[in-house]
N, C-alpha and C. Protein backbone atom coordinates (compact mmCIF):
# COMPACT_ATOMS: atom_id res chain seq x y z
N UNK A 1 -42.73 -132.47 0.65
CA UNK A 1 -41.77 -133.55 0.80
C UNK A 1 -42.28 -134.77 0.04
N UNK A 2 -41.43 -135.34 -0.78
CA UNK A 2 -41.78 -136.51 -1.58
C UNK A 2 -41.40 -137.79 -0.83
N UNK A 3 -42.32 -138.75 -0.81
CA UNK A 3 -42.06 -140.06 -0.22
C UNK A 3 -41.72 -141.04 -1.33
N UNK A 4 -40.61 -141.76 -1.16
CA UNK A 4 -40.17 -142.77 -2.12
C UNK A 4 -40.25 -144.12 -1.44
N UNK A 5 -41.04 -145.02 -2.00
CA UNK A 5 -41.22 -146.36 -1.44
C UNK A 5 -40.08 -147.27 -1.87
N UNK A 6 -39.58 -148.05 -0.93
CA UNK A 6 -38.56 -149.05 -1.19
C UNK A 6 -39.20 -150.41 -0.93
N UNK A 7 -39.31 -151.21 -1.96
CA UNK A 7 -39.96 -152.51 -1.85
C UNK A 7 -39.04 -153.58 -1.29
N UNK A 8 -39.60 -154.74 -1.06
CA UNK A 8 -38.84 -155.89 -0.57
C UNK A 8 -37.81 -156.28 -1.63
N UNK A 9 -36.57 -156.46 -1.20
CA UNK A 9 -35.51 -156.82 -2.13
C UNK A 9 -35.12 -155.67 -3.05
N UNK A 10 -35.23 -154.43 -2.54
CA UNK A 10 -34.84 -153.25 -3.31
C UNK A 10 -33.99 -152.34 -2.45
N UNK A 11 -33.29 -151.43 -3.08
CA UNK A 11 -32.68 -150.29 -2.40
C UNK A 11 -32.84 -149.08 -3.29
N UNK A 12 -32.92 -147.91 -2.64
CA UNK A 12 -33.05 -146.65 -3.36
C UNK A 12 -32.28 -145.57 -2.63
N UNK A 13 -31.96 -144.51 -3.38
CA UNK A 13 -31.23 -143.37 -2.84
C UNK A 13 -32.07 -142.12 -3.07
N UNK A 14 -31.95 -141.17 -2.15
CA UNK A 14 -32.69 -139.92 -2.27
C UNK A 14 -31.87 -138.80 -1.65
N UNK A 15 -32.26 -137.58 -2.02
CA UNK A 15 -31.64 -136.37 -1.48
C UNK A 15 -32.70 -135.57 -0.73
N UNK A 16 -32.22 -134.66 0.11
CA UNK A 16 -33.09 -133.72 0.78
C UNK A 16 -33.96 -133.03 -0.27
N UNK A 17 -35.26 -132.90 -0.10
CA UNK A 17 -36.09 -133.13 1.08
C UNK A 17 -36.92 -134.42 0.99
N UNK A 18 -36.47 -135.40 0.26
CA UNK A 18 -37.24 -136.64 0.09
C UNK A 18 -37.14 -137.54 1.31
N UNK A 19 -38.15 -138.42 1.43
CA UNK A 19 -38.14 -139.45 2.48
C UNK A 19 -38.16 -140.81 1.80
N UNK A 20 -37.38 -141.73 2.33
CA UNK A 20 -37.38 -143.12 1.88
C UNK A 20 -38.16 -143.94 2.89
N UNK A 21 -39.08 -144.77 2.41
CA UNK A 21 -39.96 -145.54 3.30
C UNK A 21 -40.00 -146.98 2.83
N UNK A 22 -39.85 -147.90 3.78
CA UNK A 22 -40.06 -149.32 3.47
C UNK A 22 -41.03 -149.91 4.48
N UNK A 23 -41.96 -150.69 3.97
CA UNK A 23 -43.02 -151.30 4.78
C UNK A 23 -42.73 -152.79 4.97
N UNK A 24 -43.35 -153.35 5.96
CA UNK A 24 -43.35 -154.80 6.10
C UNK A 24 -42.03 -155.42 6.49
N UNK A 25 -41.27 -154.75 7.34
CA UNK A 25 -40.03 -155.35 7.84
C UNK A 25 -40.38 -156.34 8.94
N UNK A 26 -40.44 -157.60 8.58
CA UNK A 26 -40.63 -158.66 9.56
C UNK A 26 -39.26 -159.26 9.82
N UNK A 27 -38.99 -160.41 9.22
CA UNK A 27 -37.66 -161.01 9.33
C UNK A 27 -36.66 -160.29 8.44
N UNK A 28 -37.14 -159.53 7.46
CA UNK A 28 -36.26 -158.71 6.63
C UNK A 28 -35.64 -157.60 7.48
N UNK A 29 -34.55 -157.02 6.98
CA UNK A 29 -33.90 -155.93 7.69
C UNK A 29 -33.83 -154.70 6.78
N UNK A 30 -34.23 -153.57 7.33
CA UNK A 30 -34.07 -152.29 6.65
C UNK A 30 -32.75 -151.69 7.07
N UNK A 31 -32.00 -151.22 6.09
CA UNK A 31 -30.70 -150.60 6.33
C UNK A 31 -30.75 -149.18 5.79
N UNK A 32 -30.74 -148.20 6.70
CA UNK A 32 -30.74 -146.80 6.32
C UNK A 32 -29.32 -146.27 6.44
N UNK A 33 -28.81 -145.73 5.33
CA UNK A 33 -27.48 -145.12 5.31
C UNK A 33 -27.66 -143.63 5.05
N UNK A 34 -26.82 -142.81 5.69
CA UNK A 34 -27.00 -141.37 5.56
C UNK A 34 -25.66 -140.64 5.66
N UNK A 35 -25.46 -139.72 4.74
CA UNK A 35 -24.33 -138.79 4.78
C UNK A 35 -24.92 -137.41 5.07
N UNK A 36 -24.77 -136.93 6.29
CA UNK A 36 -25.42 -135.67 6.68
C UNK A 36 -24.82 -134.47 5.98
N UNK A 37 -23.56 -134.49 5.65
CA UNK A 37 -22.95 -133.35 4.97
C UNK A 37 -23.49 -133.19 3.56
N UNK A 38 -23.67 -134.31 2.86
CA UNK A 38 -24.20 -134.27 1.49
C UNK A 38 -25.72 -134.35 1.46
N UNK A 39 -26.34 -134.66 2.60
CA UNK A 39 -27.79 -134.85 2.71
C UNK A 39 -28.28 -135.87 1.68
N UNK A 40 -27.54 -136.99 1.62
CA UNK A 40 -27.89 -138.11 0.74
C UNK A 40 -28.17 -139.31 1.62
N UNK A 41 -29.29 -139.96 1.36
CA UNK A 41 -29.66 -141.15 2.12
C UNK A 41 -29.94 -142.31 1.20
N UNK A 42 -29.75 -143.50 1.74
CA UNK A 42 -30.07 -144.73 1.02
C UNK A 42 -30.81 -145.66 1.96
N UNK A 43 -31.71 -146.44 1.39
CA UNK A 43 -32.47 -147.40 2.20
C UNK A 43 -32.57 -148.70 1.44
N UNK A 44 -32.16 -149.79 2.09
CA UNK A 44 -32.25 -151.13 1.52
C UNK A 44 -33.21 -151.96 2.35
N UNK A 45 -33.97 -152.84 1.69
CA UNK A 45 -34.87 -153.79 2.34
C UNK A 45 -34.38 -155.18 1.96
N UNK A 46 -33.50 -155.74 2.81
CA UNK A 46 -32.87 -157.02 2.49
C UNK A 46 -33.69 -158.18 3.06
N UNK A 47 -33.75 -159.24 2.26
CA UNK A 47 -34.56 -160.42 2.60
C UNK A 47 -33.73 -161.56 3.17
N UNK A 48 -32.52 -161.72 2.69
CA UNK A 48 -31.69 -162.87 3.02
C UNK A 48 -30.28 -162.42 3.38
N UNK A 49 -29.62 -163.18 4.25
CA UNK A 49 -28.32 -162.73 4.73
C UNK A 49 -27.18 -162.92 3.72
N UNK A 50 -27.15 -164.04 3.01
CA UNK A 50 -25.94 -164.44 2.31
C UNK A 50 -26.26 -164.98 0.92
N UNK A 51 -25.67 -164.39 -0.09
CA UNK A 51 -25.91 -164.82 -1.47
C UNK A 51 -25.10 -166.05 -1.86
N UNK A 52 -24.11 -166.41 -1.07
CA UNK A 52 -23.17 -167.46 -1.45
C UNK A 52 -23.82 -168.85 -1.53
N UNK A 53 -24.98 -169.01 -0.94
CA UNK A 53 -25.64 -170.32 -0.99
C UNK A 53 -26.52 -170.48 -2.23
N UNK A 54 -26.52 -169.48 -3.11
CA UNK A 54 -27.33 -169.52 -4.32
C UNK A 54 -26.45 -169.55 -5.55
N UNK A 55 -26.76 -170.44 -6.49
CA UNK A 55 -25.96 -170.58 -7.70
C UNK A 55 -26.21 -169.42 -8.66
N UNK A 56 -27.43 -168.96 -8.75
CA UNK A 56 -27.78 -167.89 -9.68
C UNK A 56 -28.45 -166.75 -8.92
N UNK A 57 -27.89 -165.56 -9.05
CA UNK A 57 -28.42 -164.37 -8.37
C UNK A 57 -29.11 -163.50 -9.42
N UNK A 58 -30.41 -163.34 -9.28
CA UNK A 58 -31.15 -162.50 -10.22
C UNK A 58 -31.43 -161.12 -9.65
N UNK A 59 -31.32 -160.97 -8.31
CA UNK A 59 -31.58 -159.68 -7.68
C UNK A 59 -30.61 -159.50 -6.52
N UNK A 60 -29.55 -158.73 -6.76
CA UNK A 60 -28.53 -158.52 -5.73
C UNK A 60 -29.08 -157.82 -4.50
N UNK A 61 -30.12 -157.01 -4.66
CA UNK A 61 -30.67 -156.23 -3.55
C UNK A 61 -31.36 -157.09 -2.50
N UNK A 62 -31.64 -158.34 -2.79
CA UNK A 62 -32.27 -159.25 -1.81
C UNK A 62 -31.32 -159.62 -0.67
N UNK A 63 -30.03 -159.58 -0.94
CA UNK A 63 -29.04 -160.16 -0.04
C UNK A 63 -28.22 -159.09 0.69
N UNK A 64 -28.10 -159.24 2.00
CA UNK A 64 -27.35 -158.27 2.80
C UNK A 64 -25.91 -158.13 2.31
N UNK A 65 -25.26 -159.25 1.98
CA UNK A 65 -23.86 -159.21 1.60
C UNK A 65 -23.61 -158.52 0.26
N UNK A 66 -24.65 -158.36 -0.57
CA UNK A 66 -24.51 -157.68 -1.86
C UNK A 66 -25.17 -156.31 -1.87
N UNK A 67 -26.35 -156.21 -1.27
CA UNK A 67 -27.13 -154.97 -1.32
C UNK A 67 -26.41 -153.80 -0.65
N UNK A 68 -25.84 -154.04 0.51
CA UNK A 68 -25.23 -152.93 1.26
C UNK A 68 -24.02 -152.36 0.53
N UNK A 69 -23.06 -153.18 0.08
CA UNK A 69 -21.95 -152.61 -0.69
C UNK A 69 -22.41 -151.91 -1.97
N UNK A 70 -23.41 -152.47 -2.65
CA UNK A 70 -23.93 -151.83 -3.86
C UNK A 70 -24.54 -150.47 -3.54
N UNK A 71 -25.30 -150.40 -2.45
CA UNK A 71 -25.93 -149.15 -2.03
C UNK A 71 -24.87 -148.10 -1.69
N UNK A 72 -23.84 -148.51 -0.97
CA UNK A 72 -22.76 -147.58 -0.62
C UNK A 72 -22.09 -147.05 -1.88
N UNK A 73 -21.78 -147.92 -2.81
CA UNK A 73 -21.11 -147.49 -4.05
C UNK A 73 -21.96 -146.48 -4.82
N UNK A 74 -23.26 -146.71 -4.88
CA UNK A 74 -24.12 -145.77 -5.59
C UNK A 74 -24.21 -144.44 -4.84
N UNK A 75 -24.24 -144.49 -3.51
CA UNK A 75 -24.25 -143.24 -2.73
C UNK A 75 -22.98 -142.43 -3.01
N UNK A 76 -21.85 -143.11 -3.13
CA UNK A 76 -20.60 -142.42 -3.44
C UNK A 76 -20.68 -141.77 -4.82
N UNK A 77 -21.29 -142.44 -5.78
CA UNK A 77 -21.48 -141.85 -7.11
C UNK A 77 -22.36 -140.61 -7.05
N UNK A 78 -23.29 -140.59 -6.10
CA UNK A 78 -24.19 -139.43 -5.94
C UNK A 78 -23.51 -138.27 -5.21
N UNK A 79 -22.32 -138.51 -4.64
CA UNK A 79 -21.61 -137.44 -3.96
C UNK A 79 -21.39 -137.63 -2.47
N UNK A 80 -21.85 -138.74 -1.93
CA UNK A 80 -21.59 -139.02 -0.51
C UNK A 80 -20.10 -139.35 -0.34
N UNK A 81 -19.64 -139.20 0.88
CA UNK A 81 -18.26 -139.60 1.21
C UNK A 81 -18.34 -140.73 2.23
N UNK A 82 -17.58 -141.77 1.96
CA UNK A 82 -17.63 -142.99 2.80
C UNK A 82 -17.45 -142.67 4.28
N UNK A 83 -16.52 -141.78 4.60
CA UNK A 83 -16.24 -141.48 6.02
C UNK A 83 -17.37 -140.73 6.71
N UNK A 84 -18.32 -140.21 5.95
CA UNK A 84 -19.46 -139.48 6.52
C UNK A 84 -20.71 -140.34 6.66
N UNK A 85 -20.69 -141.55 6.14
CA UNK A 85 -21.89 -142.38 6.12
C UNK A 85 -22.08 -143.07 7.48
N UNK A 86 -23.31 -142.98 7.98
CA UNK A 86 -23.70 -143.70 9.20
C UNK A 86 -24.87 -144.61 8.85
N UNK A 87 -25.14 -145.58 9.73
CA UNK A 87 -26.21 -146.54 9.48
C UNK A 87 -27.15 -146.64 10.66
N UNK A 88 -28.42 -146.92 10.33
CA UNK A 88 -29.43 -147.31 11.31
C UNK A 88 -30.16 -148.50 10.71
N UNK A 89 -30.47 -149.49 11.54
CA UNK A 89 -31.09 -150.70 11.02
C UNK A 89 -32.34 -151.06 11.83
N UNK A 90 -33.26 -151.76 11.17
CA UNK A 90 -34.49 -152.19 11.84
C UNK A 90 -35.00 -153.46 11.19
N UNK A 91 -35.73 -154.25 11.95
CA UNK A 91 -36.32 -155.48 11.45
C UNK A 91 -35.69 -156.68 12.12
N UNK A 92 -35.51 -157.74 11.34
CA UNK A 92 -34.88 -158.95 11.87
C UNK A 92 -35.71 -159.64 12.93
N UNK A 93 -37.02 -159.56 12.79
CA UNK A 93 -37.91 -160.16 13.80
C UNK A 93 -38.06 -161.66 13.59
N UNK A 94 -38.49 -162.33 14.65
CA UNK A 94 -38.87 -163.74 14.57
C UNK A 94 -40.39 -163.73 14.43
N UNK A 95 -40.83 -163.87 13.20
CA UNK A 95 -42.26 -163.73 12.91
C UNK A 95 -43.06 -164.99 13.18
N UNK A 96 -42.38 -166.13 13.24
CA UNK A 96 -43.06 -167.40 13.49
C UNK A 96 -42.32 -168.12 14.59
N UNK A 97 -43.03 -168.46 15.66
CA UNK A 97 -42.37 -169.16 16.76
C UNK A 97 -42.56 -170.66 16.59
N UNK A 98 -41.65 -171.40 17.16
CA UNK A 98 -41.68 -172.85 17.07
C UNK A 98 -41.42 -173.44 18.44
N UNK A 99 -42.14 -174.49 18.76
CA UNK A 99 -41.92 -175.19 20.02
C UNK A 99 -40.62 -175.98 19.97
N UNK A 100 -40.15 -176.29 18.76
CA UNK A 100 -38.92 -177.04 18.58
C UNK A 100 -37.74 -176.07 18.56
N UNK A 101 -37.04 -175.95 19.67
CA UNK A 101 -35.97 -174.96 19.80
C UNK A 101 -34.75 -175.31 18.96
N UNK A 102 -34.70 -176.53 18.41
CA UNK A 102 -33.61 -176.87 17.50
C UNK A 102 -33.70 -176.05 16.22
N UNK A 103 -34.88 -175.50 15.94
CA UNK A 103 -35.07 -174.73 14.73
C UNK A 103 -34.60 -173.29 14.86
N UNK A 104 -34.05 -172.93 16.01
CA UNK A 104 -33.61 -171.54 16.19
C UNK A 104 -32.50 -171.19 15.22
N UNK A 105 -31.74 -172.17 14.73
CA UNK A 105 -30.69 -171.87 13.75
C UNK A 105 -31.30 -171.42 12.43
N UNK A 106 -32.58 -171.71 12.24
CA UNK A 106 -33.25 -171.29 11.01
C UNK A 106 -33.84 -169.90 11.11
N UNK A 107 -33.67 -169.24 12.25
CA UNK A 107 -34.27 -167.93 12.45
C UNK A 107 -33.66 -166.91 11.49
N UNK A 108 -34.34 -166.71 10.38
CA UNK A 108 -33.83 -165.85 9.32
C UNK A 108 -33.70 -164.40 9.78
N UNK A 109 -34.60 -163.95 10.66
CA UNK A 109 -34.52 -162.57 11.15
C UNK A 109 -33.21 -162.30 11.88
N UNK A 110 -32.84 -163.18 12.81
CA UNK A 110 -31.58 -163.02 13.54
C UNK A 110 -30.39 -163.09 12.59
N UNK A 111 -30.44 -164.02 11.65
CA UNK A 111 -29.35 -164.18 10.69
C UNK A 111 -29.23 -162.96 9.78
N UNK A 112 -30.36 -162.40 9.37
CA UNK A 112 -30.32 -161.18 8.56
C UNK A 112 -29.67 -160.04 9.33
N UNK A 113 -30.12 -159.82 10.55
CA UNK A 113 -29.57 -158.73 11.36
C UNK A 113 -28.08 -158.91 11.61
N UNK A 114 -27.66 -160.14 11.91
CA UNK A 114 -26.25 -160.41 12.17
C UNK A 114 -25.40 -160.14 10.92
N UNK A 115 -25.89 -160.55 9.75
CA UNK A 115 -25.12 -160.33 8.52
C UNK A 115 -25.06 -158.83 8.18
N UNK A 116 -26.16 -158.12 8.38
CA UNK A 116 -26.16 -156.67 8.13
C UNK A 116 -25.09 -156.00 9.00
N UNK A 117 -25.05 -156.34 10.27
CA UNK A 117 -24.05 -155.75 11.17
C UNK A 117 -22.63 -156.12 10.74
N UNK A 118 -22.44 -157.35 10.31
CA UNK A 118 -21.11 -157.81 9.86
C UNK A 118 -20.67 -157.04 8.62
N UNK A 119 -21.56 -156.89 7.64
CA UNK A 119 -21.22 -156.16 6.41
C UNK A 119 -20.90 -154.71 6.72
N UNK A 120 -21.71 -154.08 7.56
CA UNK A 120 -21.46 -152.68 7.92
C UNK A 120 -20.12 -152.53 8.64
N UNK A 121 -19.80 -153.47 9.51
CA UNK A 121 -18.51 -153.44 10.21
C UNK A 121 -17.36 -153.56 9.21
N UNK A 122 -17.50 -154.49 8.27
CA UNK A 122 -16.47 -154.68 7.24
C UNK A 122 -16.27 -153.40 6.42
N UNK A 123 -17.35 -152.70 6.13
CA UNK A 123 -17.29 -151.45 5.36
C UNK A 123 -16.92 -150.25 6.22
N UNK A 124 -16.74 -150.48 7.52
CA UNK A 124 -16.39 -149.42 8.48
C UNK A 124 -17.45 -148.31 8.54
N UNK A 125 -18.71 -148.74 8.49
CA UNK A 125 -19.82 -147.80 8.61
C UNK A 125 -20.43 -147.99 9.99
N UNK A 126 -20.39 -146.97 10.84
CA UNK A 126 -20.90 -147.12 12.21
C UNK A 126 -22.43 -147.23 12.24
N UNK A 127 -22.90 -148.14 13.08
CA UNK A 127 -24.35 -148.28 13.32
C UNK A 127 -24.67 -147.43 14.53
N UNK A 128 -25.47 -146.38 14.31
CA UNK A 128 -25.77 -145.41 15.37
C UNK A 128 -27.20 -145.55 15.90
N UNK A 129 -27.97 -146.46 15.31
CA UNK A 129 -29.33 -146.70 15.77
C UNK A 129 -29.79 -148.07 15.33
N UNK A 130 -30.56 -148.72 16.19
CA UNK A 130 -30.97 -150.09 15.87
C UNK A 130 -32.28 -150.42 16.57
N UNK A 131 -33.17 -151.08 15.84
CA UNK A 131 -34.42 -151.59 16.40
C UNK A 131 -34.67 -152.94 15.73
N UNK A 132 -34.08 -153.99 16.30
CA UNK A 132 -34.17 -155.32 15.70
C UNK A 132 -34.71 -156.33 16.70
N UNK A 133 -35.11 -157.49 16.15
CA UNK A 133 -35.61 -158.58 16.98
C UNK A 133 -37.09 -158.45 17.25
N UNK A 134 -37.52 -159.08 18.30
CA UNK A 134 -38.94 -159.09 18.64
C UNK A 134 -39.72 -160.01 17.72
N UNK A 135 -41.03 -159.87 17.76
CA UNK A 135 -41.89 -160.73 16.94
C UNK A 135 -42.97 -159.91 16.22
N UNK A 136 -42.61 -158.71 15.79
CA UNK A 136 -43.57 -157.81 15.16
C UNK A 136 -42.92 -157.11 13.96
N UNK A 137 -43.77 -156.70 13.05
CA UNK A 137 -43.32 -156.00 11.85
C UNK A 137 -43.11 -154.52 12.10
N UNK A 138 -42.39 -153.90 11.18
CA UNK A 138 -42.07 -152.49 11.31
C UNK A 138 -42.14 -151.80 9.94
N UNK A 139 -42.37 -150.50 9.99
CA UNK A 139 -42.18 -149.62 8.84
C UNK A 139 -41.02 -148.71 9.21
N UNK A 140 -40.11 -148.49 8.25
CA UNK A 140 -38.92 -147.67 8.48
C UNK A 140 -38.97 -146.46 7.55
N UNK A 141 -38.72 -145.28 8.11
CA UNK A 141 -38.78 -144.03 7.36
C UNK A 141 -37.48 -143.27 7.57
N UNK A 142 -36.78 -142.94 6.47
CA UNK A 142 -35.56 -142.14 6.53
C UNK A 142 -35.85 -140.77 5.94
N UNK A 143 -35.70 -139.74 6.75
CA UNK A 143 -35.88 -138.35 6.33
C UNK A 143 -34.52 -137.81 5.88
N UNK A 144 -34.35 -137.56 4.58
CA UNK A 144 -33.04 -137.13 4.08
C UNK A 144 -32.71 -135.69 4.44
N UNK A 145 -33.69 -134.91 4.89
CA UNK A 145 -33.40 -133.53 5.31
C UNK A 145 -32.65 -133.51 6.64
N UNK A 146 -32.96 -134.48 7.51
CA UNK A 146 -32.39 -134.48 8.85
C UNK A 146 -31.53 -135.71 9.17
N UNK A 147 -31.72 -136.78 8.41
CA UNK A 147 -31.05 -138.04 8.72
C UNK A 147 -31.77 -138.83 9.79
N UNK A 148 -32.89 -138.32 10.26
CA UNK A 148 -33.64 -139.04 11.29
C UNK A 148 -34.33 -140.25 10.68
N UNK A 149 -34.36 -141.33 11.47
CA UNK A 149 -35.04 -142.55 11.06
C UNK A 149 -36.14 -142.84 12.08
N UNK A 150 -37.32 -143.04 11.55
CA UNK A 150 -38.48 -143.31 12.39
C UNK A 150 -38.98 -144.73 12.14
N UNK A 151 -39.46 -145.35 13.21
CA UNK A 151 -40.01 -146.70 13.15
C UNK A 151 -41.48 -146.63 13.55
N UNK A 152 -42.31 -147.18 12.67
CA UNK A 152 -43.75 -147.27 12.95
C UNK A 152 -44.07 -148.76 13.14
N UNK A 153 -44.74 -149.05 14.25
CA UNK A 153 -45.15 -150.41 14.58
C UNK A 153 -46.61 -150.38 15.00
N UNK A 154 -47.37 -151.34 14.53
CA UNK A 154 -48.79 -151.41 14.85
C UNK A 154 -49.00 -151.41 16.36
N UNK A 155 -49.85 -150.51 16.84
CA UNK A 155 -50.18 -150.47 18.26
C UNK A 155 -49.15 -149.79 19.13
N UNK A 156 -48.14 -149.18 18.53
CA UNK A 156 -47.10 -148.50 19.31
C UNK A 156 -46.90 -147.10 18.73
N UNK A 157 -46.42 -146.17 19.54
CA UNK A 157 -46.19 -144.82 19.01
C UNK A 157 -44.99 -144.80 18.04
N UNK A 158 -45.04 -143.86 17.11
CA UNK A 158 -43.93 -143.62 16.20
C UNK A 158 -42.71 -143.27 17.04
N UNK A 159 -41.55 -143.85 16.71
CA UNK A 159 -40.36 -143.52 17.50
C UNK A 159 -39.15 -143.35 16.60
N UNK A 160 -38.22 -142.56 17.07
CA UNK A 160 -36.97 -142.32 16.35
C UNK A 160 -35.89 -143.25 16.88
N UNK A 161 -35.08 -143.77 15.95
CA UNK A 161 -33.90 -144.54 16.38
C UNK A 161 -32.65 -143.81 15.96
């Protein structure tokens, strides 16, 4: 089985029997998309919720509002069918706490997770698994042979979502 790494601000697609892996999901959100009939999976590691606040976009994969639709379109080109695609998401942690609770609106992890869910809802892609929030980082692994998504967290057992 070949492991394909997905870096921060990237997305990639793979077929059975490959695995897609992204490390270091803190406030970033990992979005795993899977079409079980075609055995095609995609994994995005989004950093920011919304591209509209930026005048110049040099990397569409950084933004939830751009990366997810782009990933879906590429999966369709690979042979996936939109009605068969499901999603699992992880990350969106609050990595830095603040005594000033007025700063909670700046919580990029919560905003990332909320935007990912909004985009998936708009695209009519059901979210069937989720591991978001908290104050710890995660590694996300998508097995394209089974569609299973595993979360690895320091000091905790490997678990499936």
